[in-house]
Amino acid sequence: MALQSCINYLMTVAQHQVHQAFSAGLEQFNITPGQYGVLGCLWEQGPCTPKEIAQILQLENSTISGVLDRMQKRGLIDRVVDPSDRRSVRVVPTEEGLALKEGVLKVIDQLNVQILEGFTQEQRAVLLDCLRQVGRVDRSGE
């Protein structure tokens, strides 16, 4: 099989391009695409355990732990003891983390439009469905 026909190669190239665009777009907020993922979870779901965030973002617990450490140091999130289970910790956005929401979501919307520019509405829907199917991602969040 030719490299240009290999799904791994094509997905890697596409992911690299998308990640670079998102990194550049989020730079004005001084956050990374991974940190946006965490904030997005918290904005949509409310307080979450680190394990829940890792599951939603499909990351290892050890990876998410480092991301959360950097975000807490930066003042974007706090870890608070769960009042219903004092052995458990919940991650919550700080005021600074909440203040980023409107601007970040606007940029994310713009980036999605920009990246999908040139695709028809039908092609966009098919692409998103294919990506969900390859990644086995649930559509219930729409």
C-alpha atoms as a PDB file:
ATOM      1  CA  MET A   1       0.000   0.000   0.000  1.00  0.00           C
ATOM      2  CA  ALA A   2       1.292   3.448  -0.888  1.00  0.00           C
ATOM      3  CA  LEU A   3       1.975   5.738   2.061  1.00  0.00           C
ATOM      4  CA  GLN A   4      -0.467   8.339   0.707  1.00  0.00           C
ATOM      5  CA  SER A   5      -3.237   5.706   0.867  1.00  0.00           C
ATOM      6  CA  CYS A   6      -2.491   4.535   4.409  1.00  0.00           C
ATOM      7  CA  ILE A   7      -5.136   5.644   6.918  1.00  0.00           C
ATOM      8  CA  ASN A   8      -2.530   6.098   9.659  1.00  0.00           C
ATOM      9  CA  TYR A   9      -0.457   8.431   7.482  1.00  0.00           C
ATOM     10  CA  LEU A  10      -3.491  10.448   6.358  1.00  0.00           C
ATOM     11  CA  MET A  11      -4.872  10.772   9.892  1.00  0.00           C
ATOM     12  CA  THR A  12      -1.448  11.758  11.256  1.00  0.00           C
ATOM     13  CA  VAL A  13      -0.960  14.476   8.632  1.00  0.00           C
ATOM     14  CA  ALA A  14      -4.499  15.795   9.142  1.00  0.00           C
ATOM     15  CA  GLN A  15      -4.149  15.738  12.950  1.00  0.00           C
ATOM     16  CA  HIS A  16      -0.838  17.599  12.736  1.00  0.00           C
ATOM     17  CA  GLN A  17      -2.369  20.345  10.590  1.00  0.00           C
ATOM     18  CA  VAL A  18      -5.433  20.695  12.814  1.00  0.00           C
ATOM     19  CA  HIS A  19      -3.338  20.691  16.000  1.00  0.00           C
ATOM     20  CA  GLN A  20      -1.077  23.425  14.630  1.00  0.00           C
ATOM     21  CA  ALA A  21      -4.084  25.571  13.677  1.00  0.00           C
ATOM     22  CA  PHE A  22      -5.662  25.103  17.113  1.00  0.00           C
ATOM     23  CA  SER A  23      -2.361  25.781  18.887  1.00  0.00           C
ATOM     24  CA  ALA A  24      -1.957  29.045  16.992  1.00  0.00           C
ATOM     25  CA  GLY A  25      -5.581  30.069  17.584  1.00  0.00           C
ATOM     26  CA  LEU A  26      -5.469  29.345  21.309  1.00  0.00           C
ATOM     27  CA  GLU A  27      -2.093  31.018  21.823  1.00  0.00           C
ATOM     28  CA  GLN A  28      -3.804  34.370  22.503  1.00  0.00           C
ATOM     29  CA  PHE A  29      -5.423  32.767  25.577  1.00  0.00           C
ATOM     30  CA  ASN A  30      -2.147  31.157  26.656  1.00  0.00           C
ATOM     31  CA  ILE A  31      -3.689  27.670  26.605  1.00  0.00           C
ATOM     32  CA  THR A  32      -2.915  24.528  24.633  1.00  0.00           C
ATOM     33  CA  PRO A  33      -5.404  22.380  22.705  1.00  0.00           C
ATOM     34  CA  GLY A  34      -5.151  19.819  25.532  1.00  0.00           C
ATOM     35  CA  GLN A  35      -5.975  22.465  28.127  1.00  0.00           C
ATOM     36  CA  TYR A  36      -8.918  23.567  25.971  1.00  0.00           C
ATOM     37  CA  GLY A  37     -10.102  19.937  26.092  1.00  0.00           C
ATOM     38  CA  VAL A  38     -10.066  19.981  29.893  1.00  0.00           C
ATOM     39  CA  LEU A  39     -11.800  23.355  30.090  1.00  0.00           C
ATOM     40  CA  GLY A  40     -14.337  22.200  27.490  1.00  0.00           C
ATOM     41  CA  CYS A  41     -15.156  19.168  29.664  1.00  0.00           C
ATOM     42  CA  LEU A  42     -15.634  21.365  32.713  1.00  0.00           C
ATOM     43  CA  TRP A  43     -17.690  23.976  30.845  1.00  0.00           C
ATOM     44  CA  GLU A  44     -19.996  21.273  29.446  1.00  0.00           C
ATOM     45  CA  GLN A  45     -20.114  18.751  32.299  1.00  0.00           C
ATOM     46  CA  GLY A  46     -19.462  20.837  35.399  1.00  0.00           C
ATOM     47  CA  PRO A  47     -17.101  19.531  38.101  1.00  0.00           C
ATOM     48  CA  CYS A  48     -15.441  16.240  37.093  1.00  0.00           C
ATOM     49  CA  THR A  49     -12.986  13.836  38.626  1.00  0.00           C
ATOM     50  CA  PRO A  50      -9.607  13.601  36.908  1.00  0.00           C
ATOM     51  CA  LYS A  51     -10.579  10.064  35.851  1.00  0.00           C
ATOM     52  CA  GLU A  52     -13.781  11.323  34.200  1.00  0.00           C
ATOM     53  CA  ILE A  53     -11.823  13.986  32.301  1.00  0.00           C
ATOM     54  CA  ALA A  54      -9.297  11.368  31.151  1.00  0.00           C
ATOM     55  CA  GLN A  55     -12.134   9.123  29.939  1.00  0.00           C
ATOM     56  CA  ILE A  56     -13.895  11.920  28.050  1.00  0.00           C
ATOM     57  CA  LEU A  57     -10.655  13.056  26.376  1.00  0.00           C
ATOM     58  CA  GLN A  58      -9.476   9.449  25.917  1.00  0.00           C
ATOM     59  CA  LEU A  59      -6.165  10.136  27.664  1.00  0.00           C
ATOM     60  CA  GLU A  60      -4.204   8.161  30.227  1.00  0.00           C
ATOM     61  CA  ASN A  61      -4.702   9.143  33.872  1.00  0.00           C
ATOM     62  CA  SER A  62      -0.995   9.979  34.155  1.00  0.00           C
ATOM     63  CA  THR A  63      -1.213  12.308  31.135  1.00  0.00           C
ATOM     64  CA  ILE A  64      -4.242  14.168  32.450  1.00  0.00           C
ATOM     65  CA  SER A  65      -2.596  14.519  35.856  1.00  0.00           C
ATOM     66  CA  GLY A  66       0.270  16.525  34.340  1.00  0.00           C
ATOM     67  CA  VAL A  67      -2.120  18.690  32.331  1.00  0.00           C
ATOM     68  CA  LEU A  68      -4.174  19.404  35.465  1.00  0.00           C
ATOM     69  CA  ASP A  69      -1.030  20.242  37.455  1.00  0.00           C
ATOM     70  CA  ARG A  70       0.008  22.848  34.866  1.00  0.00           C
ATOM     71  CA  MET A  71      -3.513  24.271  34.662  1.00  0.00           C
ATOM     72  CA  GLN A  72      -3.796  24.550  38.442  1.00  0.00           C
ATOM     73  CA  LYS A  73      -0.404  26.253  38.641  1.00  0.00           C
ATOM     74  CA  ARG A  74      -1.629  28.691  35.982  1.00  0.00           C
ATOM     75  CA  GLY A  75      -4.835  29.387  37.957  1.00  0.00           C
ATOM     76  CA  LEU A  76      -7.278  27.921  35.420  1.00  0.00           C
ATOM     77  CA  ILE A  77      -8.634  25.081  37.572  1.00  0.00           C
ATOM     78  CA  ASP A  78      -8.846  24.007  41.189  1.00  0.00           C
ATOM     79  CA  ARG A  79      -9.040  20.554  42.692  1.00  0.00           C
ATOM     80  CA  VAL A  80     -11.615  20.410  45.473  1.00  0.00           C
ATOM     81  CA  VAL A  81     -12.632  17.605  47.802  1.00  0.00           C
ATOM     82  CA  ASP A  82     -15.932  16.048  46.744  1.00  0.00           C
ATOM     83  CA  PRO A  83     -18.373  16.801  49.606  1.00  0.00           C
ATOM     84  CA  SER A  84     -20.246  13.539  48.949  1.00  0.00           C
ATOM     85  CA  ASP A  85     -17.047  11.440  49.036  1.00  0.00           C
ATOM     86  CA  ARG A  86     -14.141  13.037  50.871  1.00  0.00           C
ATOM     87  CA  ARG A  87     -11.733  10.505  49.322  1.00  0.00           C
ATOM     88  CA  SER A  88     -12.490  11.888  45.875  1.00  0.00           C
ATOM     89  CA  VAL A  89     -11.354  15.104  44.212  1.00  0.00           C
ATOM     90  CA  ARG A  90     -13.320  17.112  41.679  1.00  0.00           C
ATOM     91  CA  VAL A  91     -11.783  19.493  39.172  1.00  0.00           C
ATOM     92  CA  VAL A  92     -13.536  22.847  38.785  1.00  0.00           C
ATOM     93  CA  PRO A  93     -12.717  25.869  36.637  1.00  0.00           C
ATOM     94  CA  THR A  94     -11.562  28.980  38.487  1.00  0.00           C
ATOM     95  CA  GLU A  95     -12.906  32.442  37.710  1.00  0.00           C
ATOM     96  CA  GLU A  96     -10.018  32.807  35.261  1.00  0.00           C
ATOM     97  CA  GLY A  97     -10.915  29.496  33.630  1.00  0.00           C
ATOM     98  CA  LEU A  98     -14.557  30.530  33.338  1.00  0.00           C
ATOM     99  CA  ALA A  99     -13.603  33.965  31.982  1.00  0.00           C
ATOM    100  CA  LEU A 100     -11.898  32.319  28.988  1.00  0.00           C
ATOM    101  CA  LYS A 101     -15.013  30.447  27.883  1.00  0.00           C
ATOM    102  CA  GLU A 102     -16.630  32.970  25.537  1.00  0.00           C
ATOM    103  CA  GLY A 103     -13.440  33.953  23.728  1.00  0.00           C
ATOM    104  CA  VAL A 104     -12.080  30.427  23.458  1.00  0.00           C
ATOM    105  CA  LEU A 105     -15.351  28.987  22.139  1.00  0.00           C
ATOM    106  CA  LYS A 106     -15.550  31.764  19.546  1.00  0.00           C
ATOM    107  CA  VAL A 107     -12.040  30.921  18.310  1.00  0.00           C
ATOM    108  CA  ILE A 108     -12.810  27.174  18.326  1.00  0.00           C
ATOM    109  CA  ASP A 109     -15.916  27.799  16.200  1.00  0.00           C
ATOM    110  CA  GLN A 110     -13.882  29.960  13.793  1.00  0.00           C
ATOM    111  CA  LEU A 111     -11.166  27.307  13.534  1.00  0.00           C
ATOM    112  CA  ASN A 112     -13.697  24.583  12.788  1.00  0.00           C
ATOM    113  CA  VAL A 113     -15.217  26.718  10.024  1.00  0.00           C
ATOM    114  CA  GLN A 114     -11.771  27.584   8.644  1.00  0.00           C
ATOM    115  CA  ILE A 115     -10.545  23.977   8.649  1.00  0.00           C
ATOM    116  CA  LEU A 116     -13.704  22.723   6.945  1.00  0.00           C
ATOM    117  CA  GLU A 117     -13.713  25.563   4.413  1.00  0.00           C
ATOM    118  CA  GLY A 118     -14.161  24.184   0.918  1.00  0.00           C
ATOM    119  CA  PHE A 119     -16.284  21.264   2.102  1.00  0.00           C
ATOM    120  CA  THR A 120     -19.984  21.206   1.334  1.00  0.00           C
ATOM    121  CA  GLN A 121     -22.375  20.834   4.267  1.00  0.00           C
ATOM    122  CA  GLU A 122     -22.916  17.212   3.250  1.00  0.00           C
ATOM    123  CA  GLN A 123     -19.158  16.540   3.071  1.00  0.00           C
ATOM    124  CA  ARG A 124     -18.706  18.069   6.533  1.00  0.00           C
ATOM    125  CA  ALA A 125     -21.398  15.824   7.978  1.00  0.00           C
ATOM    126  CA  VAL A 126     -19.892  12.743   6.304  1.00  0.00           C
ATOM    127  CA  LEU A 127     -16.370  13.648   7.484  1.00  0.00           C
ATOM    128  CA  LEU A 128     -17.513  14.138  11.080  1.00  0.00           C
ATOM    129  CA  ASP A 129     -19.463  10.863  10.994  1.00  0.00           C
ATOM    130  CA  CYS A 130     -16.438   9.025   9.566  1.00  0.00           C
ATOM    131  CA  LEU A 131     -14.115  10.478  12.213  1.00  0.00           C
ATOM    132  CA  ARG A 132     -16.554   9.502  14.962  1.00  0.00           C
ATOM    133  CA  GLN A 133     -16.827   6.018  13.520  1.00  0.00           C
ATOM    134  CA  VAL A 134     -13.047   5.568  13.259  1.00  0.00           C
ATOM    135  CA  GLY A 135     -12.618   6.907  16.806  1.00  0.00           C
ATOM    136  CA  ARG A 136     -15.791   5.229  18.067  1.00  0.00           C
ATOM    137  CA  VAL A 137     -16.983   8.531  19.525  1.00  0.00           C
ATOM    138  CA  ASP A 138     -20.561   8.863  20.772  1.00  0.00           C
ATOM    139  CA  ARG A 139     -22.701  11.485  19.011  1.00  0.00           C
ATOM    140  CA  SER A 140     -24.879  12.231  22.037  1.00  0.00           C
ATOM    141  CA  GLY A 141     -22.994  15.488  22.723  1.00  0.00           C
ATOM    142  CA  GLU A 142     -24.460  17.245  19.700  1.00  0.00           C
END
